[in-house]
């Protein structure tokens, strides 16, 4: 009997952590933020990204053929720990980090560069004395 290999999916991999239910509070804060944004077209590029994130979170717009941006429990937890002044910056980052790769939207620079330190080199140079 052959077993299918387990595939590790990094996206949403922290499903077992416990949380208090912060989603309703986070959505109320997003609504308040959206109401306080400048009119559409006058918020600048960053403000328009925040506006789009808020509108998708509040079901005012769809994802344009892609999965709609939504708050996962861990994101709602992070929002519950932010001050109101930090919320626009956080949503700008989170929307670009979660939604843009799926939609294949490029920015001038990546929203996050993830480095994974290792104790050994993972290159396999033929001339290196440290390869296995």
N, C-alpha and C. Protein backbone atom coordinates (compact mmCIF):
# COMPACT_ATOMS: atom_id res chain seq x y z
N UNK A 1 0.85 -1.17 0.00
CA UNK A 1 0.00 0.00 0.00
C UNK A 1 0.89 1.24 0.00
N UNK A 2 0.71 2.07 -0.98
CA UNK A 2 1.55 3.26 -1.13
C UNK A 2 0.87 4.47 -0.49
N UNK A 3 1.63 5.21 0.31
CA UNK A 3 1.10 6.40 0.97
C UNK A 3 1.50 7.64 0.18
N UNK A 4 0.57 8.55 0.07
CA UNK A 4 0.89 9.82 -0.58
C UNK A 4 1.79 10.63 0.35
N UNK A 5 2.80 11.29 -0.21
CA UNK A 5 3.69 12.07 0.65
C UNK A 5 2.95 13.26 1.26
N UNK A 6 3.32 13.59 2.50
CA UNK A 6 2.74 14.75 3.17
C UNK A 6 3.33 16.01 2.55
N UNK A 7 2.49 16.95 2.25
CA UNK A 7 2.95 18.21 1.68
C UNK A 7 2.74 19.30 2.72
N UNK A 8 3.81 19.98 3.05
CA UNK A 8 3.73 21.08 4.01
C UNK A 8 3.30 22.34 3.28
N UNK A 9 2.23 22.95 3.74
CA UNK A 9 1.76 24.20 3.16
C UNK A 9 1.98 25.29 4.20
N UNK A 10 2.84 26.23 3.86
CA UNK A 10 3.20 27.28 4.80
C UNK A 10 2.03 28.23 5.05
N UNK A 11 1.25 28.53 4.02
CA UNK A 11 0.15 29.48 4.14
C UNK A 11 -0.87 28.97 5.15
N UNK A 12 -1.18 29.76 6.15
CA UNK A 12 -2.14 29.44 7.20
C UNK A 12 -1.73 28.19 7.98
N UNK A 13 -0.44 28.05 8.27
CA UNK A 13 0.03 26.84 8.93
C UNK A 13 -0.10 26.88 10.45
N UNK A 14 -0.50 28.01 11.03
CA UNK A 14 -0.61 28.11 12.48
C UNK A 14 -2.06 27.92 12.93
N UNK A 15 -2.70 26.87 12.48
CA UNK A 15 -4.12 26.69 12.76
C UNK A 15 -4.40 26.18 14.16
N UNK A 16 -3.41 25.67 14.86
CA UNK A 16 -3.68 25.08 16.17
C UNK A 16 -3.51 26.06 17.33
N UNK A 17 -3.09 27.27 17.07
CA UNK A 17 -2.91 28.22 18.16
C UNK A 17 -4.25 28.68 18.70
N UNK A 18 -4.29 28.94 19.99
CA UNK A 18 -5.53 29.39 20.63
C UNK A 18 -5.63 30.90 20.56
N UNK A 19 -6.84 31.41 20.53
CA UNK A 19 -7.05 32.84 20.38
C UNK A 19 -8.34 33.25 21.06
N UNK A 20 -8.43 34.52 21.45
CA UNK A 20 -9.74 35.03 21.81
C UNK A 20 -10.30 35.63 20.52
N UNK A 21 -11.58 35.64 20.37
CA UNK A 21 -12.21 35.97 19.09
C UNK A 21 -12.19 37.48 18.86
N UNK A 22 -11.21 37.93 18.08
CA UNK A 22 -11.01 39.35 17.84
C UNK A 22 -11.56 39.80 16.49
N UNK A 23 -12.14 38.88 15.70
CA UNK A 23 -12.58 39.23 14.35
C UNK A 23 -13.65 40.33 14.32
N UNK A 24 -14.71 40.26 15.11
CA UNK A 24 -15.71 41.34 15.05
C UNK A 24 -15.12 42.71 15.40
N UNK A 25 -14.24 42.75 16.39
CA UNK A 25 -13.61 44.02 16.77
C UNK A 25 -12.71 44.53 15.64
N UNK A 26 -11.98 43.62 15.01
CA UNK A 26 -11.08 44.03 13.92
C UNK A 26 -11.88 44.59 12.75
N UNK A 27 -12.99 43.94 12.40
CA UNK A 27 -13.81 44.44 11.29
C UNK A 27 -14.42 45.80 11.61
N UNK A 28 -14.79 46.02 12.87
CA UNK A 28 -15.32 47.33 13.26
C UNK A 28 -14.24 48.40 13.12
N UNK A 29 -13.02 48.07 13.46
CA UNK A 29 -11.93 49.03 13.31
C UNK A 29 -11.62 49.29 11.85
N UNK A 30 -11.73 48.26 11.01
CA UNK A 30 -11.51 48.44 9.57
C UNK A 30 -12.59 49.35 9.00
N UNK A 31 -13.84 49.19 9.42
CA UNK A 31 -14.95 50.05 8.99
C UNK A 31 -14.66 51.51 9.37
N UNK A 32 -14.21 51.71 10.60
CA UNK A 32 -13.89 53.05 11.08
C UNK A 32 -12.75 53.66 10.25
N UNK A 33 -11.75 52.86 9.92
CA UNK A 33 -10.64 53.32 9.10
C UNK A 33 -11.12 53.72 7.71
N UNK A 34 -11.94 52.88 7.10
CA UNK A 34 -12.45 53.16 5.75
C UNK A 34 -13.26 54.45 5.74
N UNK A 35 -14.08 54.67 6.76
CA UNK A 35 -14.88 55.89 6.83
C UNK A 35 -14.01 57.13 6.96
N UNK A 36 -12.81 56.98 7.52
CA UNK A 36 -11.93 58.12 7.72
C UNK A 36 -10.94 58.37 6.60
N UNK A 37 -10.92 57.50 5.58
CA UNK A 37 -9.99 57.68 4.46
C UNK A 37 -10.44 58.84 3.57
N UNK A 38 -9.48 59.51 2.91
CA UNK A 38 -9.86 60.56 1.95
C UNK A 38 -10.68 59.96 0.81
N UNK A 39 -11.41 60.80 0.05
CA UNK A 39 -12.21 60.28 -1.06
C UNK A 39 -11.36 59.50 -2.07
N UNK A 40 -12.02 58.59 -2.77
CA UNK A 40 -11.32 57.75 -3.74
C UNK A 40 -10.62 58.63 -4.77
N UNK A 41 -9.38 58.29 -5.08
CA UNK A 41 -8.59 59.05 -6.03
C UNK A 41 -7.77 60.16 -5.39
N UNK A 42 -8.02 60.46 -4.12
CA UNK A 42 -7.30 61.54 -3.44
C UNK A 42 -6.45 61.03 -2.29
N UNK A 43 -6.35 59.73 -2.14
CA UNK A 43 -5.64 59.15 -1.00
C UNK A 43 -4.20 58.78 -1.34
N UNK A 44 -3.80 58.88 -2.60
CA UNK A 44 -2.47 58.45 -3.00
C UNK A 44 -2.43 56.95 -3.21
N UNK A 45 -1.30 56.45 -3.71
CA UNK A 45 -1.19 55.03 -4.03
C UNK A 45 -1.33 54.15 -2.78
N UNK A 46 -0.68 54.55 -1.72
CA UNK A 46 -0.76 53.76 -0.48
C UNK A 46 -2.19 53.76 0.06
N UNK A 47 -2.84 54.90 0.04
CA UNK A 47 -4.21 55.00 0.52
C UNK A 47 -5.18 54.18 -0.31
N UNK A 48 -4.93 54.10 -1.62
CA UNK A 48 -5.81 53.30 -2.48
C UNK A 48 -5.66 51.81 -2.18
N UNK A 49 -4.45 51.38 -1.84
CA UNK A 49 -4.25 49.97 -1.46
C UNK A 49 -4.99 49.69 -0.15
N UNK A 50 -4.89 50.61 0.80
CA UNK A 50 -5.59 50.45 2.08
C UNK A 50 -7.10 50.45 1.84
N UNK A 51 -7.58 51.34 0.96
CA UNK A 51 -9.02 51.39 0.64
C UNK A 51 -9.48 50.06 0.05
N UNK A 52 -8.72 49.52 -0.90
CA UNK A 52 -9.09 48.25 -1.54
C UNK A 52 -9.14 47.12 -0.50
N UNK A 53 -8.14 47.09 0.39
CA UNK A 53 -8.11 46.07 1.43
C UNK A 53 -9.34 46.18 2.33
N UNK A 54 -9.67 47.40 2.74
CA UNK A 54 -10.84 47.61 3.61
C UNK A 54 -12.13 47.19 2.90
N UNK A 55 -12.26 47.57 1.63
CA UNK A 55 -13.49 47.25 0.89
C UNK A 55 -13.66 45.75 0.71
N UNK A 56 -12.58 45.04 0.47
CA UNK A 56 -12.69 43.58 0.34
C UNK A 56 -12.99 42.93 1.69
N UNK A 57 -12.38 43.45 2.75
CA UNK A 57 -12.64 42.88 4.08
C UNK A 57 -14.09 43.06 4.50
N UNK A 58 -14.68 44.19 4.10
CA UNK A 58 -16.06 44.50 4.50
C UNK A 58 -17.09 44.05 3.45
N UNK A 59 -16.66 43.25 2.48
CA UNK A 59 -17.54 42.73 1.42
C UNK A 59 -18.17 43.83 0.58
N UNK A 60 -17.48 44.94 0.41
CA UNK A 60 -17.98 46.01 -0.44
C UNK A 60 -17.50 45.83 -1.88
N UNK A 61 -16.43 45.07 -2.07
CA UNK A 61 -15.92 44.73 -3.40
C UNK A 61 -15.48 43.28 -3.38
N UNK A 62 -15.51 42.65 -4.56
CA UNK A 62 -15.03 41.28 -4.64
C UNK A 62 -13.54 41.29 -4.98
N UNK A 63 -12.96 40.13 -5.09
CA UNK A 63 -11.53 40.01 -5.36
C UNK A 63 -11.17 40.13 -6.81
N UNK A 64 -12.10 40.47 -7.68
CA UNK A 64 -11.80 40.62 -9.10
C UNK A 64 -11.40 39.31 -9.75
N UNK A 65 -12.09 38.24 -9.43
CA UNK A 65 -11.78 36.93 -10.01
C UNK A 65 -10.81 36.12 -9.17
N UNK A 66 -10.24 36.73 -8.16
CA UNK A 66 -9.33 36.04 -7.25
C UNK A 66 -10.04 35.86 -5.91
N UNK A 67 -9.41 35.07 -5.06
CA UNK A 67 -9.96 34.91 -3.71
C UNK A 67 -9.96 36.27 -3.02
N UNK A 68 -11.10 36.59 -2.41
CA UNK A 68 -11.25 37.88 -1.75
C UNK A 68 -10.33 37.94 -0.53
N UNK A 69 -9.74 39.11 -0.32
CA UNK A 69 -8.90 39.33 0.86
C UNK A 69 -9.76 39.23 2.10
N UNK A 70 -9.33 38.46 3.07
CA UNK A 70 -10.11 38.28 4.29
C UNK A 70 -9.18 38.22 5.49
N UNK A 71 -9.75 38.45 6.64
CA UNK A 71 -8.99 38.38 7.88
C UNK A 71 -9.04 36.96 8.42
N UNK A 72 -7.90 36.39 8.61
CA UNK A 72 -7.82 35.10 9.28
C UNK A 72 -7.70 35.38 10.77
N UNK A 73 -7.91 34.38 11.59
CA UNK A 73 -7.93 34.61 13.02
C UNK A 73 -6.62 35.20 13.52
N UNK A 74 -5.47 34.76 12.95
CA UNK A 74 -4.20 35.30 13.43
C UNK A 74 -4.02 36.76 13.02
N UNK A 75 -4.54 37.13 11.86
CA UNK A 75 -4.48 38.52 11.43
C UNK A 75 -5.36 39.39 12.31
N UNK A 76 -6.54 38.89 12.65
CA UNK A 76 -7.43 39.63 13.55
C UNK A 76 -6.77 39.81 14.92
N UNK A 77 -6.05 38.80 15.37
CA UNK A 77 -5.32 38.91 16.63
C UNK A 77 -4.25 39.99 16.56
N UNK A 78 -3.52 40.03 15.45
CA UNK A 78 -2.49 41.05 15.29
C UNK A 78 -3.12 42.44 15.27
N UNK A 79 -4.24 42.59 14.58
CA UNK A 79 -4.93 43.88 14.52
C UNK A 79 -5.39 44.30 15.91
N UNK A 80 -5.83 43.35 16.72
CA UNK A 80 -6.31 43.70 18.06
C UNK A 80 -5.19 44.27 18.94
N UNK A 81 -3.96 44.02 18.57
CA UNK A 81 -2.82 44.50 19.35
C UNK A 81 -2.22 45.79 18.79
N UNK A 82 -2.78 46.31 17.71
CA UNK A 82 -2.27 47.54 17.08
C UNK A 82 -3.05 48.76 17.53
N UNK A 83 -2.37 49.89 17.57
CA UNK A 83 -3.05 51.16 17.80
C UNK A 83 -3.76 51.57 16.51
N UNK A 84 -4.77 52.42 16.62
CA UNK A 84 -5.51 52.86 15.44
C UNK A 84 -4.59 53.53 14.42
N UNK A 85 -3.58 54.24 14.87
CA UNK A 85 -2.66 54.92 13.95
C UNK A 85 -1.81 53.93 13.16
N UNK A 86 -1.62 52.72 13.67
CA UNK A 86 -0.80 51.71 12.99
C UNK A 86 -1.61 50.85 12.02
N UNK A 87 -2.91 50.90 12.10
CA UNK A 87 -3.76 50.02 11.29
C UNK A 87 -3.61 50.24 9.78
N UNK A 88 -3.58 51.48 9.26
CA UNK A 88 -3.41 51.64 7.81
C UNK A 88 -2.11 51.03 7.29
N UNK A 89 -1.04 51.25 8.01
CA UNK A 89 0.25 50.69 7.59
C UNK A 89 0.20 49.16 7.59
N UNK A 90 -0.42 48.59 8.61
CA UNK A 90 -0.51 47.14 8.71
C UNK A 90 -1.35 46.56 7.57
N UNK A 91 -2.50 47.17 7.28
CA UNK A 91 -3.36 46.66 6.20
C UNK A 91 -2.68 46.82 4.84
N UNK A 92 -1.94 47.91 4.66
CA UNK A 92 -1.19 48.10 3.41
C UNK A 92 -0.20 46.96 3.22
N UNK A 93 0.54 46.65 4.26
CA UNK A 93 1.50 45.55 4.20
C UNK A 93 0.80 44.21 4.02
N UNK A 94 -0.20 43.91 4.82
CA UNK A 94 -0.84 42.60 4.82
C UNK A 94 -1.54 42.32 3.49
N UNK A 95 -2.20 43.33 2.93
CA UNK A 95 -2.88 43.15 1.65
C UNK A 95 -1.87 42.85 0.55
N UNK A 96 -0.77 43.59 0.55
CA UNK A 96 0.26 43.34 -0.45
C UNK A 96 0.92 41.98 -0.24
N UNK A 97 1.09 41.55 0.99
CA UNK A 97 1.75 40.29 1.30
C UNK A 97 0.87 39.09 0.95
N UNK A 98 -0.43 39.19 1.21
CA UNK A 98 -1.32 38.04 1.00
C UNK A 98 -1.98 38.03 -0.38
N UNK A 99 -2.45 39.18 -0.84
CA UNK A 99 -3.27 39.20 -2.05
C UNK A 99 -2.46 39.40 -3.33
N UNK A 100 -1.44 40.22 -3.30
CA UNK A 100 -0.74 40.56 -4.53
C UNK A 100 -0.01 39.39 -5.18
N UNK A 101 0.64 38.49 -4.44
CA UNK A 101 1.28 37.36 -5.13
C UNK A 101 0.28 36.50 -5.90
N UNK A 102 -0.88 36.27 -5.33
CA UNK A 102 -1.91 35.47 -6.01
C UNK A 102 -2.41 36.19 -7.26
N UNK A 103 -2.50 37.51 -7.19
CA UNK A 103 -3.01 38.31 -8.31
C UNK A 103 -1.90 38.71 -9.28
N UNK A 104 -0.69 38.31 -8.95
CA UNK A 104 0.49 38.58 -9.78
C UNK A 104 0.70 40.08 -9.99
N UNK A 105 0.57 40.84 -8.91
CA UNK A 105 0.81 42.28 -8.93
C UNK A 105 2.20 42.53 -8.35
N UNK A 106 3.01 43.29 -9.08
CA UNK A 106 4.36 43.60 -8.63
C UNK A 106 4.42 45.02 -8.11
N UNK A 107 5.24 45.20 -7.10
CA UNK A 107 5.49 46.52 -6.54
C UNK A 107 6.95 46.86 -6.81
N UNK A 108 7.36 48.05 -6.39
CA UNK A 108 8.75 48.44 -6.59
C UNK A 108 9.70 47.56 -5.80
N UNK A 109 9.24 47.05 -4.67
CA UNK A 109 10.05 46.17 -3.84
C UNK A 109 9.11 45.19 -3.15
N UNK A 110 9.63 44.01 -2.75
CA UNK A 110 8.75 43.03 -2.11
C UNK A 110 8.31 43.51 -0.73
N UNK A 111 7.09 43.14 -0.31
CA UNK A 111 6.63 43.56 1.02
C UNK A 111 7.40 42.90 2.15
N UNK A 112 7.99 41.76 1.87
CA UNK A 112 8.72 41.04 2.92
C UNK A 112 9.77 40.15 2.25
N UNK A 113 10.97 40.19 2.76
CA UNK A 113 12.01 39.28 2.31
C UNK A 113 12.24 38.29 3.44
N UNK A 114 11.96 37.04 3.17
CA UNK A 114 12.09 36.02 4.21
C UNK A 114 13.42 35.29 4.04
N UNK A 115 14.23 35.36 5.07
CA UNK A 115 15.52 34.68 5.07
C UNK A 115 15.44 33.50 6.03
N UNK A 116 16.00 32.40 5.61
CA UNK A 116 16.03 31.23 6.47
C UNK A 116 17.48 30.89 6.77
N UNK A 117 17.93 31.23 7.98
CA UNK A 117 19.33 30.91 8.32
C UNK A 117 19.52 29.40 8.43
N UNK A 118 20.68 28.98 8.09
CA UNK A 118 20.99 27.56 8.15
C UNK A 118 22.41 27.38 8.67
N UNK A 119 22.68 26.27 9.26
CA UNK A 119 24.02 26.02 9.79
C UNK A 119 24.94 25.42 8.74
N UNK A 120 24.39 25.08 7.60
CA UNK A 120 25.21 24.50 6.54
C UNK A 120 24.79 25.10 5.20
N UNK A 121 25.73 25.19 4.32
CA UNK A 121 25.46 25.73 2.99
C UNK A 121 24.62 24.72 2.22
N UNK A 122 23.61 25.21 1.51
CA UNK A 122 22.79 24.29 0.74
C UNK A 122 23.14 24.30 -0.75
N UNK A 123 24.20 25.01 -1.12
CA UNK A 123 24.69 24.93 -2.49
C UNK A 123 25.50 23.66 -2.64
N UNK A 124 25.56 23.12 -3.79
CA UNK A 124 26.32 21.90 -4.04
C UNK A 124 27.36 22.17 -5.13
N UNK A 125 28.33 23.02 -4.78
CA UNK A 125 29.37 23.37 -5.73
C UNK A 125 30.33 22.19 -5.88
N UNK A 126 30.69 21.86 -7.10
CA UNK A 126 31.53 20.68 -7.34
C UNK A 126 32.94 20.86 -6.78
N UNK A 127 33.38 22.08 -6.63
CA UNK A 127 34.74 22.32 -6.17
C UNK A 127 34.84 22.56 -4.66
N UNK A 128 33.71 22.56 -3.96
CA UNK A 128 33.70 22.90 -2.53
C UNK A 128 34.06 21.68 -1.69
N UNK A 129 34.93 21.90 -0.71
CA UNK A 129 35.35 20.81 0.17
C UNK A 129 34.31 20.50 1.25
N UNK A 130 33.29 21.37 1.42
CA UNK A 130 32.32 21.17 2.49
C UNK A 130 31.05 20.45 2.04
N UNK A 131 30.96 20.07 0.80
CA UNK A 131 29.76 19.36 0.35
C UNK A 131 29.80 17.93 0.88
N UNK A 132 28.64 17.34 0.97
CA UNK A 132 28.52 15.97 1.52
C UNK A 132 29.26 14.96 0.70
